[in-house]
Amino acid sequence: MDNLLYSGVWVSEGHFITFVINDNDTATITETYIANGKDVETNQITHIDKAIEYQQRYINLGYDKIS
């Protein structure tokens, strides 16, 4: 694992995850997807270490960085 958090948008099969690095050792993670025909968006602010683990999990699942 790189132990780095990359800002940007990752996507797989219509599931978008955006990572924004904040100034206070936290990151904002926004997920967007369609469920039951409705657009759904969730947001969370988490410690940077947890965000790195979260991002790495999706990279390992084959998500592509698009921005």
C-alpha atoms as a PDB file:
ATOM      1  CA  MET A   1       0.000   0.000   0.000  1.00  0.00           C
ATOM      2  CA  ASP A   2       1.285   3.459  -0.909  1.00  0.00           C
ATOM      3  CA  ASN A   3       0.049   5.112   2.307  1.00  0.00           C
ATOM      4  CA  LEU A   4      -0.979   8.114   0.207  1.00  0.00           C
ATOM      5  CA  LEU A   5      -4.433   9.527  -0.377  1.00  0.00           C
ATOM      6  CA  TYR A   6      -5.092  10.731  -3.903  1.00  0.00           C
ATOM      7  CA  SER A   7      -7.630  13.523  -4.403  1.00  0.00           C
ATOM      8  CA  GLY A   8     -10.032  12.935  -7.254  1.00  0.00           C
ATOM      9  CA  VAL A   9     -12.883  10.814  -8.506  1.00  0.00           C
ATOM     10  CA  TRP A  10     -12.833   7.030  -8.779  1.00  0.00           C
ATOM     11  CA  VAL A  11     -15.539   5.101 -10.649  1.00  0.00           C
ATOM     12  CA  SER A  12     -16.795   1.588 -11.331  1.00  0.00           C
ATOM     13  CA  GLU A  13     -20.109   0.608 -12.899  1.00  0.00           C
ATOM     14  CA  GLY A  14     -21.859   3.889 -12.104  1.00  0.00           C
ATOM     15  CA  HIS A  15     -20.524   4.164  -8.542  1.00  0.00           C
ATOM     16  CA  PHE A  16     -18.524   7.377  -8.140  1.00  0.00           C
ATOM     17  CA  ILE A  17     -16.326   8.071  -5.103  1.00  0.00           C
ATOM     18  CA  THR A  18     -14.758  11.507  -4.648  1.00  0.00           C
ATOM     19  CA  PHE A  19     -11.895  12.085  -2.224  1.00  0.00           C
ATOM     20  CA  VAL A  20     -11.041  15.617  -1.062  1.00  0.00           C
ATOM     21  CA  ILE A  21      -8.122  16.160   1.312  1.00  0.00           C
ATOM     22  CA  ASN A  22      -8.900  18.700   4.033  1.00  0.00           C
ATOM     23  CA  ASP A  23      -6.416  20.872   5.949  1.00  0.00           C
ATOM     24  CA  ASN A  24      -6.896  19.218   9.352  1.00  0.00           C
ATOM     25  CA  ASP A  25      -5.710  15.632   8.676  1.00  0.00           C
ATOM     26  CA  THR A  26      -9.172  14.644   7.498  1.00  0.00           C
ATOM     27  CA  ALA A  27     -10.690  13.805   4.131  1.00  0.00           C
ATOM     28  CA  THR A  28     -14.182  14.234   2.753  1.00  0.00           C
ATOM     29  CA  ILE A  29     -15.489  11.188   0.903  1.00  0.00           C
ATOM     30  CA  THR A  30     -18.543  11.606  -1.318  1.00  0.00           C
ATOM     31  CA  GLU A  31     -20.203   8.616  -2.968  1.00  0.00           C
ATOM     32  CA  THR A  32     -22.753   8.937  -5.765  1.00  0.00           C
ATOM     33  CA  TYR A  33     -24.771   6.109  -7.291  1.00  0.00           C
ATOM     34  CA  ILE A  34     -28.265   5.159  -8.461  1.00  0.00           C
ATOM     35  CA  ALA A  35     -30.418   2.972  -6.210  1.00  0.00           C
ATOM     36  CA  ASN A  36     -34.027   2.070  -6.963  1.00  0.00           C
ATOM     37  CA  GLY A  37     -34.039   4.576  -9.820  1.00  0.00           C
ATOM     38  CA  LYS A  38     -32.984   7.486  -7.605  1.00  0.00           C
ATOM     39  CA  ASP A  39     -29.695   9.343  -7.414  1.00  0.00           C
ATOM     40  CA  VAL A  40     -28.119   8.802  -4.007  1.00  0.00           C
ATOM     41  CA  GLU A  41     -25.257  10.816  -2.525  1.00  0.00           C
ATOM     42  CA  THR A  42     -23.537  10.146   0.784  1.00  0.00           C
ATOM     43  CA  ASN A  43     -20.838  12.216   2.471  1.00  0.00           C
ATOM     44  CA  GLN A  44     -18.464  11.481   5.281  1.00  0.00           C
ATOM     45  CA  ILE A  45     -15.515  13.235   6.862  1.00  0.00           C
ATOM     46  CA  THR A  46     -12.925  10.853   8.226  1.00  0.00           C
ATOM     47  CA  HIS A  47      -9.341  10.821   9.456  1.00  0.00           C
ATOM     48  CA  ILE A  48      -6.836  10.697   6.624  1.00  0.00           C
ATOM     49  CA  ASP A  49      -5.587   7.216   7.635  1.00  0.00           C
ATOM     50  CA  LYS A  50      -9.097   5.757   7.379  1.00  0.00           C
ATOM     51  CA  ALA A  51      -9.594   7.489   4.028  1.00  0.00           C
ATOM     52  CA  ILE A  52      -6.376   5.899   2.713  1.00  0.00           C
ATOM     53  CA  GLU A  53      -7.632   2.438   3.717  1.00  0.00           C
ATOM     54  CA  TYR A  54     -11.044   3.147   2.169  1.00  0.00           C
ATOM     55  CA  GLN A  55      -9.530   4.345  -1.102  1.00  0.00           C
ATOM     56  CA  GLN A  56      -7.124   1.425  -1.311  1.00  0.00           C
ATOM     57  CA  ARG A  57      -9.987  -1.041  -0.893  1.00  0.00           C
ATOM     58  CA  TYR A  58     -11.727   0.389  -3.975  1.00  0.00           C
ATOM     59  CA  ILE A  59      -8.507   0.546  -5.987  1.00  0.00           C
ATOM     60  CA  ASN A  60      -8.041  -3.164  -5.241  1.00  0.00           C
ATOM     61  CA  LEU A  61     -11.602  -3.773  -6.472  1.00  0.00           C
ATOM     62  CA  GLY A  62     -10.666  -2.256  -9.835  1.00  0.00           C
ATOM     63  CA  TYR A  63     -12.056   1.277  -9.571  1.00  0.00           C
ATOM     64  CA  ASP A  64     -10.558   3.691 -12.104  1.00  0.00           C
ATOM     65  CA  LYS A  65      -9.385   7.231 -11.347  1.00  0.00           C
ATOM     66  CA  ILE A  66     -11.107   9.615 -13.758  1.00  0.00           C
ATOM     67  CA  SER A  67      -9.975  12.995 -12.400  1.00  0.00           C
END
